Amino acid sequence: MDESCKRVKNQWHPGFAAALQLEFRENRDDLEFEQEYMLAKKPLQMDMFIVKKDPEAKIENKIGRFFRKFNVIEYKSPDDAMNVHVYYKVMAYACLYKVSSEHEDGYRQEEMTVTLIRQRYPAKLMRHLKQNGCEIIRVYPGIYYISGNVMFPLQIVVTKDLDEKENIWLRSMCNNITKQVYLDLLNAVDDMNPEERELYGEAVLHVVTTANETRIMEWEKEGSYMQCEALNRIMAVEFEKRRKEAMQEGRQEGRQEGRVLAYADMGLSVEEIAKKVLLSTAEIMGILAGNKGK
């Protein structure tokens, strides 16, 4: 896989962790969030594990209304699959957590839930669940409860179908965001208190902006109003990073050009220089032609 693709892909989970906590901001005192919860000494971890500290607490967010005491969360970024293998892997995570208790029977099965979150509807997985005796009910836009032949209570969240206002944080976690959703996200970040904005809001905004950079730049060219203190800060950091990369690349190109000219002064042929500096003969000829008369 191309390294640039890896970098973009790996950015989604920090943003998701922040977005999920913002979805439940009204009940933050009732929930305990543990990112990348380790299930064993070897690398084996959940994307997010949420403990509902008070079983009687009412969770305002519709996604959280499904929660019981212990809640296993699996998130897949827009380019990742949410398939049958993922389903059984996450159920295995839940099983491992269940037996991790010191008690013989572990944590009680009826106290646990599993939530799968992805941007698009996982049609193949849903078909597999139906074929294996599960009942699927759409309880809210983008939120499906799965009952029947499942080891733990299961809900599947399709973020692109969530309410754009109520679930702005998870709804915006995509690489094809609309202008209106992006503007709503900017407004939501601006409305946060400074501490919450720094801890969570900017993490979501950064990953969404990076994933949708091309279209956001097009909106800016069209004169769309995209002003936001957090966005300005993020873009300033990004521009500075690119400036430094460009300067470094320029220095490297300068050194390369110097080597080509030095070898030419030594009387080496174009082919010999090309082998030494690992450039094509056309590139060597271009450098030599550009320096004639200097």
Protein backbone atom coordinates (compact mmCIF):
# COMPACT_ATOMS: atom_id res chain seq x y z
CA MET A 1 0.00 0.00 0.00
CA ASP A 2 1.19 3.53 -0.82
CA GLU A 3 2.64 5.27 2.26
CA SER A 4 0.49 8.37 1.76
CA CYS A 5 -2.62 6.18 1.87
CA LYS A 6 -1.43 4.63 5.13
CA ARG A 7 -0.99 8.05 6.71
CA VAL A 8 -4.50 9.17 5.83
CA LYS A 9 -6.02 5.87 6.91
CA ASN A 10 -4.28 5.90 10.28
CA GLN A 11 -5.61 9.37 11.09
CA TRP A 12 -9.24 8.26 11.33
CA HIS A 13 -9.20 6.54 14.73
CA PRO A 14 -8.02 9.51 16.86
CA GLY A 15 -10.70 11.61 15.20
CA PHE A 16 -13.29 8.90 15.77
CA ALA A 17 -12.38 8.66 19.47
CA ALA A 18 -12.88 12.40 19.84
CA ALA A 19 -16.10 12.38 17.78
CA LEU A 20 -17.62 9.58 19.85
CA GLN A 21 -16.88 11.39 23.11
CA LEU A 22 -18.48 14.54 21.72
CA GLU A 23 -21.57 12.54 20.75
CA PHE A 24 -21.94 11.63 24.43
CA ARG A 25 -20.81 14.98 25.88
CA GLU A 26 -24.14 15.43 27.72
CA ASN A 27 -23.48 12.21 29.64
CA ARG A 28 -19.71 12.39 30.01
CA ASP A 29 -19.94 12.02 33.79
CA ASP A 30 -22.00 8.85 33.39
CA LEU A 31 -19.58 7.12 31.01
CA GLU A 32 -15.99 6.00 31.20
CA PHE A 33 -14.11 5.93 27.88
CA GLU A 34 -11.11 3.68 27.33
CA GLN A 35 -9.44 3.94 23.92
CA GLU A 36 -7.70 0.94 22.38
CA TYR A 37 -8.55 -1.23 25.39
CA MET A 38 -5.93 -3.98 25.68
CA LEU A 39 -7.41 -7.48 25.82
CA ALA A 40 -4.19 -9.40 26.29
CA LYS A 41 -0.47 -8.89 26.76
CA LYS A 42 0.00 -9.23 23.01
CA PRO A 43 -1.45 -6.52 20.73
CA LEU A 44 -5.18 -7.22 20.79
CA GLN A 45 -7.36 -4.24 21.52
CA MET A 46 -10.80 -2.75 21.04
CA ASP A 47 -11.19 0.57 19.24
CA MET A 48 -13.19 1.94 22.16
CA PHE A 49 -14.60 0.50 25.36
CA ILE A 50 -17.29 2.47 27.20
CA VAL A 51 -18.33 1.71 30.77
CA LYS A 52 -21.71 3.03 31.86
CA LYS A 53 -20.91 3.85 35.47
CA ASP A 54 -24.52 4.15 36.62
CA PRO A 55 -26.76 1.48 35.02
CA GLU A 56 -29.78 3.75 35.59
CA ALA A 57 -28.26 6.80 33.88
CA LYS A 58 -30.28 7.99 30.87
CA ILE A 59 -28.07 8.48 27.82
CA GLU A 60 -29.35 11.33 25.65
CA ASN A 61 -27.59 10.37 22.42
CA LYS A 62 -29.61 7.81 20.45
CA ILE A 63 -26.54 5.61 19.89
CA GLY A 64 -26.00 5.38 23.65
CA ARG A 65 -29.57 4.40 24.45
CA PHE A 66 -28.57 0.86 23.49
CA PHE A 67 -25.74 0.75 26.05
CA ARG A 68 -25.64 -1.44 29.11
CA LYS A 69 -22.81 -1.49 31.64
CA PHE A 70 -19.94 -2.69 29.40
CA ASN A 71 -19.91 -1.63 25.76
CA VAL A 72 -17.49 -2.77 23.06
CA ILE A 73 -17.14 -0.34 20.12
CA GLU A 74 -15.58 -1.15 16.74
CA TYR A 75 -15.07 1.63 14.19
CA LYS A 76 -14.17 1.23 10.55
CA SER A 77 -12.89 4.21 8.56
CA PRO A 78 -14.53 5.04 5.20
CA ASP A 79 -12.11 2.87 3.22
CA ASP A 80 -12.23 -0.14 5.56
CA ALA A 81 -14.60 -3.10 5.26
CA MET A 82 -17.22 -3.94 7.85
CA ASN A 83 -17.65 -7.61 6.96
CA VAL A 84 -18.33 -11.01 8.49
CA HIS A 85 -14.71 -11.37 9.65
CA VAL A 86 -14.91 -8.06 11.50
CA TYR A 87 -18.18 -9.11 13.14
CA TYR A 88 -16.74 -12.34 14.54
CA LYS A 89 -13.50 -10.66 15.56
CA VAL A 90 -15.37 -8.07 17.62
CA MET A 91 -17.60 -10.71 19.17
CA ALA A 92 -14.36 -12.50 20.13
CA TYR A 93 -13.15 -9.28 21.75
CA ALA A 94 -16.34 -9.15 23.79
CA CYS A 95 -15.91 -12.80 24.81
CA LEU A 96 -12.33 -12.17 25.91
CA TYR A 97 -13.45 -9.24 28.00
CA LYS A 98 -16.25 -11.30 29.53
CA VAL A 99 -13.82 -13.95 30.80
CA SER A 100 -11.20 -11.42 31.91
CA SER A 101 -12.94 -11.02 35.25
CA GLU A 102 -11.52 -12.82 38.28
CA HIS A 103 -14.95 -14.35 38.86
CA GLU A 104 -15.51 -17.82 37.46
CA ASP A 105 -18.40 -16.74 35.22
CA GLY A 106 -16.68 -13.49 34.24
CA TYR A 107 -18.72 -10.38 33.54
CA ARG A 108 -22.38 -11.09 32.97
CA GLN A 109 -23.41 -11.49 29.34
CA GLU A 110 -26.57 -9.44 29.83
CA GLU A 111 -24.45 -6.49 31.00
CA MET A 112 -22.57 -6.23 27.70
CA THR A 113 -23.25 -4.82 24.24
CA VAL A 114 -21.37 -4.58 20.94
CA THR A 115 -21.58 -1.60 18.56
CA LEU A 116 -20.20 -1.60 15.00
CA ILE A 117 -19.76 1.84 13.38
CA ARG A 118 -19.08 2.55 9.72
CA GLN A 119 -19.92 5.26 7.19
CA ARG A 120 -21.70 3.02 4.68
CA TYR A 121 -24.36 0.34 5.12
CA PRO A 122 -22.65 -3.10 5.41
CA ALA A 123 -24.96 -4.95 3.06
CA LYS A 124 -23.07 -8.28 2.98
CA LEU A 125 -22.80 -8.44 6.76
CA MET A 126 -26.48 -7.62 7.18
CA ARG A 127 -27.36 -10.35 4.68
CA HIS A 128 -25.18 -12.84 6.61
CA LEU A 129 -26.87 -11.94 9.88
CA LYS A 130 -30.34 -12.40 8.39
CA GLN A 131 -29.37 -15.75 6.89
CA ASN A 132 -28.17 -16.87 10.31
CA GLY A 133 -31.43 -16.18 12.14
CA CYS A 134 -30.97 -12.57 13.22
CA GLU A 135 -33.68 -9.94 13.18
CA ILE A 136 -32.63 -6.46 12.05
CA ILE A 137 -34.67 -3.42 13.10
CA ARG A 138 -33.95 0.16 12.06
CA VAL A 139 -34.79 2.03 15.26
CA TYR A 140 -33.48 5.46 14.24
CA PRO A 141 -31.94 6.89 11.06
CA GLY A 142 -28.62 5.07 10.65
CA ILE A 143 -29.05 2.93 13.79
CA TYR A 144 -29.97 -0.78 13.57
CA TYR A 145 -30.62 -3.18 16.45
CA ILE A 146 -29.71 -6.82 15.78
CA SER A 147 -31.44 -9.50 17.86
CA GLY A 148 -31.91 -13.24 17.75
CA ASN A 149 -28.89 -15.41 17.02
CA VAL A 150 -26.24 -13.08 18.48
CA MET A 151 -23.96 -13.75 21.44
CA PHE A 152 -24.22 -10.19 22.74
CA PRO A 153 -26.77 -7.44 22.05
CA LEU A 154 -25.59 -5.82 18.83
CA GLN A 155 -26.24 -2.49 17.13
CA ILE A 156 -24.84 -1.32 13.81
CA VAL A 157 -24.44 2.41 13.18
CA VAL A 158 -24.27 3.77 9.61
CA THR A 159 -22.87 7.26 10.08
CA LYS A 160 -23.87 8.68 6.68
CA ASP A 161 -27.53 8.15 7.60
CA LEU A 162 -27.35 9.67 11.08
CA ASP A 163 -29.14 12.92 11.82
CA GLU A 164 -26.93 15.74 10.48
CA LYS A 165 -27.67 18.05 13.41
CA GLU A 166 -27.93 15.63 16.33
CA ASN A 167 -24.94 13.48 15.32
CA ILE A 168 -22.75 16.08 13.63
CA TRP A 169 -19.52 14.59 15.02
CA LEU A 170 -19.85 11.04 13.69
CA ARG A 171 -21.84 12.21 10.64
CA SER A 172 -18.88 14.35 9.55
CA MET A 173 -16.36 11.48 9.80
CA CYS A 174 -16.22 10.84 6.06
CA ASN A 175 -14.11 11.56 2.98
CA ASN A 176 -16.99 12.94 0.87
CA ILE A 177 -18.44 15.57 3.18
CA THR A 178 -21.01 18.04 1.84
CA LYS A 179 -20.48 21.77 2.17
CA GLN A 180 -23.43 22.13 4.56
CA VAL A 181 -22.26 19.35 6.88
CA TYR A 182 -18.77 20.86 6.92
CA LEU A 183 -20.14 24.30 7.74
CA ASP A 184 -22.23 22.74 10.53
CA LEU A 185 -19.07 21.08 11.86
CA LEU A 186 -17.17 24.39 11.83
CA ASN A 187 -20.02 26.08 13.70
CA ALA A 188 -20.17 23.26 16.24
CA VAL A 189 -16.42 23.52 16.89
CA ASP A 190 -16.65 27.31 17.23
CA ASP A 191 -19.46 26.96 19.78
CA MET A 192 -17.41 24.72 22.10
CA ASN A 193 -15.65 25.97 25.18
CA PRO A 194 -11.86 26.34 24.68
CA GLU A 195 -10.90 23.27 26.72
CA GLU A 196 -13.35 20.95 24.97
CA ARG A 197 -12.43 22.38 21.58
CA GLU A 198 -8.75 21.66 22.16
CA LEU A 199 -9.32 18.17 23.56
CA TYR A 200 -11.91 16.88 21.11
CA GLY A 201 -13.24 19.35 18.54
CA GLU A 202 -9.95 20.06 16.82
CA ALA A 203 -9.15 16.34 16.58
CA VAL A 204 -12.37 15.73 14.65
CA LEU A 205 -11.93 18.85 12.52
CA HIS A 206 -8.35 17.93 11.65
CA VAL A 207 -9.11 14.43 10.39
CA VAL A 208 -12.20 15.58 8.46
CA THR A 209 -10.37 18.52 6.89
CA THR A 210 -7.42 16.33 5.88
CA ALA A 211 -9.68 13.68 4.35
CA ASN A 212 -11.67 16.29 2.37
CA GLU A 213 -8.89 18.75 1.62
CA THR A 214 -9.40 18.92 -2.15
CA ARG A 215 -13.10 19.75 -2.01
CA ILE A 216 -12.61 22.21 0.87
CA MET A 217 -9.97 24.06 -1.18
CA GLU A 218 -12.44 24.19 -4.08
CA TRP A 219 -15.07 25.72 -1.82
CA GLU A 220 -12.56 28.32 -0.70
CA LYS A 221 -11.80 29.19 -4.34
CA GLU A 222 -15.53 29.62 -4.91
CA GLY A 223 -15.56 32.17 -2.10
CA SER A 224 -17.42 30.03 0.43
CA TYR A 225 -17.25 31.34 3.99
CA MET A 226 -15.15 28.82 5.87
CA GLN A 227 -13.86 30.95 8.75
CA CYS A 228 -13.26 29.12 12.03
CA GLU A 229 -10.61 29.78 14.66
CA ALA A 230 -9.78 26.09 15.04
CA LEU A 231 -9.66 25.55 11.25
CA ASN A 232 -7.33 28.53 10.80
CA ARG A 233 -5.01 27.10 13.43
CA ILE A 234 -5.04 23.64 11.85
CA MET A 235 -4.42 24.99 8.36
CA ALA A 236 -1.60 27.23 9.60
CA VAL A 237 0.17 24.21 11.07
CA GLU A 238 -0.41 22.22 7.86
CA PHE A 239 0.88 25.04 5.64
CA GLU A 240 3.99 25.43 7.79
CA LYS A 241 4.65 21.70 7.58
CA ARG A 242 4.34 21.79 3.78
CA ARG A 243 6.58 24.85 3.55
CA LYS A 244 9.31 23.02 5.45
CA GLU A 245 8.87 19.92 3.28
CA ALA A 246 9.13 22.06 0.15
CA MET A 247 12.28 23.73 1.46
CA GLN A 248 13.80 20.36 2.27
CA GLU A 249 12.89 19.04 -1.17
CA GLY A 250 14.45 22.14 -2.73
CA ARG A 251 17.68 21.62 -0.82
CA GLN A 252 17.78 17.98 -1.92
CA GLU A 253 17.20 18.98 -5.54
CA GLY A 254 19.95 21.58 -5.23
CA ARG A 255 22.40 18.99 -3.95
CA GLN A 256 21.41 16.62 -6.74
CA GLU A 257 21.96 19.32 -9.36
CA GLY A 258 25.35 20.11 -7.88
CA ARG A 259 26.42 16.48 -8.15
CA VAL A 260 25.33 16.33 -11.79
CA LEU A 261 27.35 19.45 -12.66
CA ALA A 262 30.38 18.19 -10.75
CA TYR A 263 30.36 14.89 -12.64
CA ALA A 264 29.94 16.77 -15.92
CA ASP A 265 32.99 18.90 -15.10
CA MET A 266 34.92 15.67 -14.52
CA GLY A 267 34.11 14.68 -18.11
CA LEU A 268 31.59 11.89 -17.41
CA SER A 269 29.02 11.14 -20.09
CA VAL A 270 25.28 11.70 -19.58
CA GLU A 271 24.75 7.95 -19.24
CA GLU A 272 27.49 7.63 -16.61
CA ILE A 273 26.10 10.55 -14.59
CA ALA A 274 22.60 9.08 -14.75
CA LYS A 275 23.82 5.83 -13.19
CA LYS A 276 25.63 7.63 -10.40
CA VAL A 277 22.81 9.98 -9.33
CA LEU A 278 19.92 7.59 -10.17
CA LEU A 279 18.20 9.97 -12.58
CA SER A 280 17.10 9.45 -16.17
CA THR A 281 19.29 10.67 -19.02
CA ALA A 282 16.54 13.12 -19.94
CA GLU A 283 16.65 14.62 -16.43
CA ILE A 284 20.45 14.91 -16.63
CA MET A 285 20.26 16.63 -20.00
CA GLY A 286 17.65 19.00 -18.60
CA ILE A 287 19.87 19.99 -15.67
CA LEU A 288 22.88 20.51 -17.96
CA ALA A 289 20.85 22.53 -20.46
CA GLY A 290 19.41 24.70 -17.70
CA ASN A 291 22.84 25.58 -16.41
CA LYS A 292 24.39 26.58 -19.75
CA GLY A 293 25.45 30.19 -19.70
CA LYS A 294 25.12 30.55 -15.90
